Amino acid sequence: MKYVFYLRIFSRMASFTLFIGVVLIASCKPAVQQNDPAKEEWISLFDGSNYGDWVPKFKGFELGENHKERFVYKDSLLSVRYDIKDTFSGNFGHLYYKEKFSHYKLRAKYRFVGDQMAGGPGWAVRNNGLMLHCQEPASVGLEQDFPISLELQLLGGNGTDDRTTANLCTPGTNVVMGDSLFTPHCIGSVSKTYHGDQWVEVEALVLGDSLVQHIMEDKVVMEFTNPTIGGGNISGFIESAYQEGAALKDGYISIQAETHPIDFKSIELLDLCGCMDKEAKNYKSYYVKADNSKCIY
């Protein structure tokens, strides 16, 4: 009888141990992430650490050469800096993100600091830009000053005068404003002026070659449509890259080195092109252009 009693006790203990083991194994499994179609998934183009995702190109220098270390990665910032003894000699620079996009939202936090480098042009004081729909960096000519692109121009106030930001400049491009083709190089937005060294957040909505909006404090301050290659306003470009009249449907994003120091704290992008099949695990309701090759089932 004692043998049967102990056998029963052992059997119960073994069953309990097995149950506890199953519970522990189940609790150790990673939770399955459920896709929320409405939850926006922003990409950090610059988050204070991913410096290797960007490549520089300066006029007169090969792609990848950071001329005089003007693009600086320090203190979790992406900055443009100039040596105090340096004098400007026409070497405008641009720093390109590694991927291109077509339909997206973009937002960046920036501030202008310090003084313009010696010899810089007057128009470049507290001046930088987020260059949208840039041509491929490898196609930029050795002596090319600006990429074919749509410049979301960033301007800082001089402490006295009105000076809008989130303006539009068109290096190697034309756009339509209202019902008319816009061929001048730059046009001001309707933003307010941001004086001093304060942090400023700017946004853009880019929908291929149909619509582009520049946004400040949730207000659309610049809007245009139908961007195309043309209009001049650049030099040193390779002829094969300058296809007059071609629609600008996508491209790379870059920032400038135009002779005034600037800091970027963050640059983020929400891709609006992706899987639009509702049966897929990565479907997003905010996508506006389908690329179902990205669907995961």
Protein backbone atom coordinates (compact mmCIF):
# COMPACT_ATOMS: atom_id res chain seq x y z
CA MET A 1 0.00 0.00 0.00
CA LYS A 2 2.82 2.38 0.86
CA TYR A 3 4.31 1.69 -2.57
CA VAL A 4 1.03 2.62 -4.30
CA PHE A 5 0.69 5.75 -2.14
CA TYR A 6 4.21 6.97 -2.96
CA LEU A 7 3.67 6.16 -6.63
CA ARG A 8 0.58 8.35 -6.69
CA ILE A 9 2.42 11.21 -4.97
CA PHE A 10 5.29 10.94 -7.45
CA SER A 11 2.88 10.94 -10.40
CA ARG A 12 1.13 14.08 -9.15
CA MET A 13 4.45 15.85 -8.55
CA ALA A 14 5.65 14.94 -12.06
CA SER A 15 2.42 16.26 -13.60
CA PHE A 16 2.70 19.49 -11.61
CA THR A 17 6.35 19.92 -12.63
CA LEU A 18 5.43 19.36 -16.27
CA PHE A 19 2.64 21.96 -16.00
CA ILE A 20 5.00 24.53 -14.45
CA GLY A 21 7.53 23.82 -17.21
CA VAL A 22 4.93 24.39 -19.93
CA VAL A 23 3.86 27.67 -18.31
CA LEU A 24 7.46 28.88 -18.06
CA ILE A 25 8.22 27.98 -21.67
CA ALA A 26 5.08 29.77 -22.86
CA SER A 27 5.92 32.86 -20.80
CA CYS A 28 9.42 32.98 -22.31
CA LYS A 29 8.15 33.14 -25.89
CA PRO A 30 8.29 36.65 -27.36
CA ALA A 31 4.90 38.30 -27.70
CA VAL A 32 3.57 38.31 -31.24
CA GLN A 33 3.42 41.89 -32.45
CA GLN A 34 0.04 42.63 -33.95
CA ASN A 35 0.05 45.03 -36.87
CA ASP A 36 -1.93 48.19 -36.29
CA PRO A 37 -2.77 49.44 -39.81
CA ALA A 38 -3.26 53.00 -38.57
CA LYS A 39 -0.07 53.24 -36.47
CA GLU A 40 2.52 55.38 -38.26
CA GLU A 41 5.98 53.84 -38.52
CA TRP A 42 8.47 56.65 -38.93
CA ILE A 43 12.02 55.94 -40.14
CA SER A 44 14.93 57.78 -38.51
CA LEU A 45 17.04 59.02 -41.40
CA PHE A 46 19.18 60.59 -38.71
CA ASP A 47 18.71 59.69 -35.05
CA GLY A 48 21.98 60.86 -33.55
CA SER A 49 23.95 57.73 -34.39
CA ASN A 50 23.42 56.40 -37.93
CA TYR A 51 26.10 58.53 -39.60
CA GLY A 52 27.03 55.72 -41.98
CA ASP A 53 23.70 56.10 -43.81
CA TRP A 54 24.85 59.39 -45.37
CA VAL A 55 27.41 60.17 -48.11
CA PRO A 56 28.91 63.62 -48.93
CA LYS A 57 29.55 65.23 -52.31
CA PHE A 58 31.32 68.60 -52.65
CA LYS A 59 31.83 70.55 -55.84
CA GLY A 60 35.27 69.68 -57.20
CA PHE A 61 35.66 66.54 -55.10
CA GLU A 62 34.75 62.89 -55.54
CA LEU A 63 31.61 61.38 -54.04
CA GLY A 64 32.33 60.26 -50.49
CA GLU A 65 35.02 62.84 -49.72
CA ASN A 66 34.04 64.97 -46.72
CA HIS A 67 35.93 68.10 -47.83
CA LYS A 68 37.71 69.68 -44.83
CA GLU A 69 35.44 67.60 -42.55
CA ARG A 70 32.62 70.09 -43.01
CA PHE A 71 29.91 67.57 -42.24
CA VAL A 72 30.40 66.81 -38.56
CA TYR A 73 28.95 63.98 -36.44
CA LYS A 74 29.27 64.96 -32.79
CA ASP A 75 27.18 65.13 -29.60
CA SER A 76 24.36 63.18 -31.30
CA LEU A 77 23.97 65.94 -33.90
CA LEU A 78 24.48 66.08 -37.64
CA SER A 79 26.18 69.42 -38.24
CA VAL A 80 27.84 71.65 -40.80
CA ARG A 81 30.97 73.40 -39.54
CA TYR A 82 33.78 75.53 -41.00
CA ASP A 83 37.32 76.16 -39.78
CA ILE A 84 37.70 79.69 -38.45
CA LYS A 85 40.64 80.27 -40.83
CA ASP A 86 38.85 78.82 -43.85
CA THR A 87 37.67 80.99 -46.75
CA PHE A 88 34.92 80.01 -49.17
CA SER A 89 36.09 79.06 -52.64
CA GLY A 90 32.87 77.84 -54.28
CA ASN A 91 32.86 74.33 -52.82
CA PHE A 92 29.18 73.93 -52.02
CA GLY A 93 28.46 70.54 -50.51
CA HIS A 94 25.57 68.13 -50.04
CA LEU A 95 25.11 65.11 -47.80
CA TYR A 96 22.83 62.38 -49.21
CA TYR A 97 20.78 59.74 -47.43
CA LYS A 98 21.42 56.23 -48.79
CA GLU A 99 17.89 55.47 -50.11
CA LYS A 100 15.45 57.21 -52.40
CA PHE A 101 11.73 57.73 -51.83
CA SER A 102 8.70 58.82 -53.82
CA HIS A 103 5.70 59.32 -51.52
CA TYR A 104 6.41 60.33 -47.95
CA LYS A 105 6.19 62.76 -45.05
CA LEU A 106 9.44 64.31 -43.82
CA ARG A 107 10.20 66.20 -40.64
CA ALA A 108 13.42 67.64 -39.29
CA LYS A 109 14.61 69.64 -36.29
CA TYR A 110 17.34 72.18 -37.06
CA ARG A 111 19.02 75.30 -35.70
CA PHE A 112 21.45 77.81 -37.15
CA VAL A 113 24.46 78.68 -34.99
CA GLY A 114 27.55 80.88 -35.10
CA ASP A 115 28.79 82.99 -37.98
CA GLN A 116 29.04 82.43 -41.70
CA MET A 117 32.44 81.38 -43.01
CA ALA A 118 34.64 84.08 -44.54
CA GLY A 119 33.89 84.84 -48.18
CA GLY A 120 30.48 83.19 -48.24
CA PRO A 121 27.83 84.82 -50.45
CA GLY A 122 25.43 87.23 -48.77
CA TRP A 123 22.38 85.15 -49.66
CA ALA A 124 23.86 82.12 -47.84
CA VAL A 125 23.79 83.68 -44.35
CA ARG A 126 21.73 81.37 -42.11
CA ASN A 127 20.78 79.40 -45.20
CA ASN A 128 20.55 75.65 -45.71
CA GLY A 129 18.12 73.27 -47.32
CA LEU A 130 16.48 69.89 -47.37
CA MET A 131 16.93 68.86 -50.99
CA LEU A 132 14.03 66.63 -52.08
CA HIS A 133 13.80 64.32 -55.11
CA CYS A 134 17.57 64.68 -55.65
CA GLN A 135 19.23 62.97 -58.57
CA GLU A 136 21.27 59.89 -57.70
CA PRO A 137 24.48 61.03 -55.95
CA ALA A 138 26.66 58.96 -58.30
CA SER A 139 25.25 60.94 -61.26
CA VAL A 140 26.30 64.34 -59.87
CA GLY A 141 29.11 65.89 -61.91
CA LEU A 142 32.52 66.46 -60.36
CA GLU A 143 32.15 70.25 -60.77
CA GLN A 144 28.39 70.35 -60.20
CA ASP A 145 27.38 72.91 -57.58
CA PHE A 146 23.85 71.72 -56.71
CA PRO A 147 21.98 68.49 -57.44
CA ILE A 148 18.90 68.46 -59.65
CA SER A 149 16.31 68.65 -56.88
CA LEU A 150 13.52 70.53 -55.13
CA GLU A 151 14.95 72.59 -52.30
CA LEU A 152 12.94 73.05 -49.15
CA GLN A 153 14.95 76.11 -48.23
CA LEU A 154 15.72 76.71 -44.55
CA LEU A 155 16.42 80.30 -43.52
CA GLY A 156 17.14 81.71 -40.08
CA GLY A 157 16.15 85.23 -39.06
CA ASN A 158 18.79 87.95 -38.75
CA GLY A 159 17.31 89.30 -35.51
CA THR A 160 15.59 92.26 -37.14
CA ASP A 161 13.91 91.67 -40.47
CA ASP A 162 11.16 89.34 -41.59
CA ARG A 163 12.68 86.28 -43.24
CA THR A 164 10.49 83.30 -44.04
CA THR A 165 11.65 79.69 -43.96
CA ALA A 166 10.40 76.53 -45.72
CA ASN A 167 10.71 78.42 -49.00
CA LEU A 168 11.15 76.82 -52.43
CA CYS A 169 14.23 76.93 -54.66
CA THR A 170 14.48 74.96 -57.90
CA PRO A 171 18.02 73.89 -58.87
CA GLY A 172 17.63 72.25 -62.27
CA THR A 173 13.85 72.00 -61.91
CA ASN A 174 10.54 73.68 -62.67
CA VAL A 175 7.21 73.34 -60.86
CA VAL A 176 3.60 74.39 -61.31
CA MET A 177 2.14 76.88 -58.82
CA GLY A 178 -1.58 77.30 -59.15
CA ASP A 179 -2.13 76.86 -62.87
CA SER A 180 1.16 78.37 -64.05
CA LEU A 181 4.64 76.99 -64.71
CA PHE A 182 7.04 78.53 -62.20
CA THR A 183 10.49 79.11 -63.70
CA PRO A 184 12.22 81.63 -61.34
CA HIS A 185 14.73 80.09 -58.96
CA CYS A 186 13.25 80.83 -55.52
CA ILE A 187 9.99 81.92 -53.97
CA GLY A 188 9.20 82.72 -50.35
CA SER A 189 6.68 80.86 -48.21
CA VAL A 190 4.12 82.42 -45.88
CA SER A 191 5.86 81.21 -42.70
CA LYS A 192 6.79 83.40 -39.78
CA THR A 193 10.42 84.33 -39.05
CA TYR A 194 12.53 82.26 -36.63
CA HIS A 195 15.27 84.44 -35.13
CA GLY A 196 18.27 83.34 -33.09
CA ASP A 197 19.64 79.86 -32.47
CA GLN A 198 16.33 78.25 -31.48
CA TRP A 199 15.42 74.72 -32.56
CA VAL A 200 12.88 74.76 -35.39
CA GLU A 201 10.81 71.86 -36.74
CA VAL A 202 9.89 71.74 -40.41
CA GLU A 203 7.78 69.18 -42.27
CA ALA A 204 7.05 68.26 -45.87
CA LEU A 205 4.45 66.15 -47.64
CA VAL A 206 5.76 64.71 -50.90
CA LEU A 207 3.47 62.76 -53.23
CA GLY A 208 5.61 61.74 -56.18
CA ASP A 209 5.29 64.24 -59.02
CA SER A 210 1.74 65.30 -58.09
CA LEU A 211 1.92 67.42 -54.93
CA VAL A 212 4.55 68.83 -52.54
CA GLN A 213 3.72 70.84 -49.41
CA HIS A 214 6.05 72.57 -46.93
CA ILE A 215 4.60 72.75 -43.42
CA MET A 216 5.45 74.84 -40.35
CA GLU A 217 3.56 74.43 -37.06
CA ASP A 218 0.86 72.37 -38.79
CA LYS A 219 0.29 75.10 -41.39
CA VAL A 220 0.95 74.62 -45.12
CA VAL A 221 3.24 77.53 -45.99
CA MET A 222 4.25 76.43 -49.52
CA GLU A 223 2.54 74.21 -52.08
CA PHE A 224 3.29 73.23 -55.67
CA THR A 225 2.67 70.45 -58.17
CA ASN A 226 4.11 68.71 -61.25
CA PRO A 227 7.87 69.05 -60.65
CA THR A 228 10.02 68.44 -63.74
CA ILE A 229 13.67 68.70 -64.73
CA GLY A 230 14.53 72.01 -66.39
CA GLY A 231 15.04 75.70 -65.73
CA GLY A 232 18.82 75.77 -65.27
CA ASN A 233 20.11 77.30 -62.02
CA ILE A 234 22.85 74.68 -61.70
CA SER A 235 26.26 74.29 -63.32
CA GLY A 236 28.70 71.48 -63.96
CA PHE A 237 26.05 68.81 -64.43
CA ILE A 238 26.47 65.75 -66.63
CA GLU A 239 24.30 66.14 -69.73
CA SER A 240 22.85 62.62 -69.55
CA ALA A 241 21.41 63.37 -66.10
CA TYR A 242 19.68 66.55 -67.23
CA GLN A 243 16.64 65.23 -69.10
CA GLU A 244 14.69 68.40 -69.87
CA GLY A 245 10.98 68.00 -69.10
CA ALA A 246 11.26 64.65 -67.32
CA ALA A 247 8.90 64.29 -64.36
CA LEU A 248 10.48 64.17 -60.90
CA LYS A 249 8.63 61.23 -59.39
CA ASP A 250 11.16 60.18 -56.75
CA GLY A 251 14.69 60.79 -55.59
CA TYR A 252 17.15 61.09 -52.74
CA ILE A 253 17.16 63.49 -49.78
CA SER A 254 20.17 65.63 -48.92
CA ILE A 255 21.18 68.54 -46.70
CA GLN A 256 23.51 71.35 -47.69
CA ALA A 257 26.81 72.90 -46.71
CA GLU A 258 26.30 76.46 -47.98
CA THR A 259 28.78 78.38 -45.74
CA HIS A 260 26.71 78.81 -42.55
CA PRO A 261 26.94 76.41 -39.57
CA ILE A 262 23.80 74.43 -38.77
CA ASP A 263 22.78 71.53 -36.53
CA PHE A 264 20.23 68.81 -37.21
CA LYS A 265 18.89 67.00 -34.14
CA SER A 266 16.69 64.59 -36.06
CA ILE A 267 15.50 63.85 -39.59
CA GLU A 268 12.55 61.45 -39.84
CA LEU A 269 10.50 60.03 -42.70
CA LEU A 270 7.14 58.30 -42.94
CA ASP A 271 7.03 56.23 -46.11
CA LEU A 272 3.62 56.47 -47.78
CA CYS A 273 4.42 53.79 -50.35
CA GLY A 274 4.02 50.16 -49.34
CA CYS A 275 1.78 47.13 -48.99
CA MET A 276 -1.89 48.00 -49.56
CA ASP A 277 -3.28 44.45 -49.41
CA LYS A 278 -5.48 44.34 -46.31
CA GLU A 279 -4.79 40.61 -45.95
CA ALA A 280 -1.05 41.20 -45.46
CA LYS A 281 0.61 41.41 -42.06
CA ASN A 282 2.24 44.75 -42.87
CA TYR A 283 -0.72 46.54 -44.50
CA LYS A 284 -0.98 50.21 -43.57
CA SER A 285 -4.12 52.27 -44.02
CA TYR A 286 -2.17 55.52 -44.51
CA TYR A 287 -0.26 54.36 -47.59
CA VAL A 288 -1.19 56.33 -50.71
CA LYS A 289 0.83 54.38 -53.29
CA ALA A 290 0.83 50.60 -53.55
CA ASP A 291 3.98 48.50 -53.66
CA ASN A 292 2.64 45.05 -52.95
CA SER A 293 6.05 43.49 -53.59
CA LYS A 294 6.68 44.52 -49.97
CA CYS A 295 3.69 42.56 -48.63
CA ILE A 296 4.32 39.98 -45.91
CA TYR A 297 1.80 37.17 -45.42
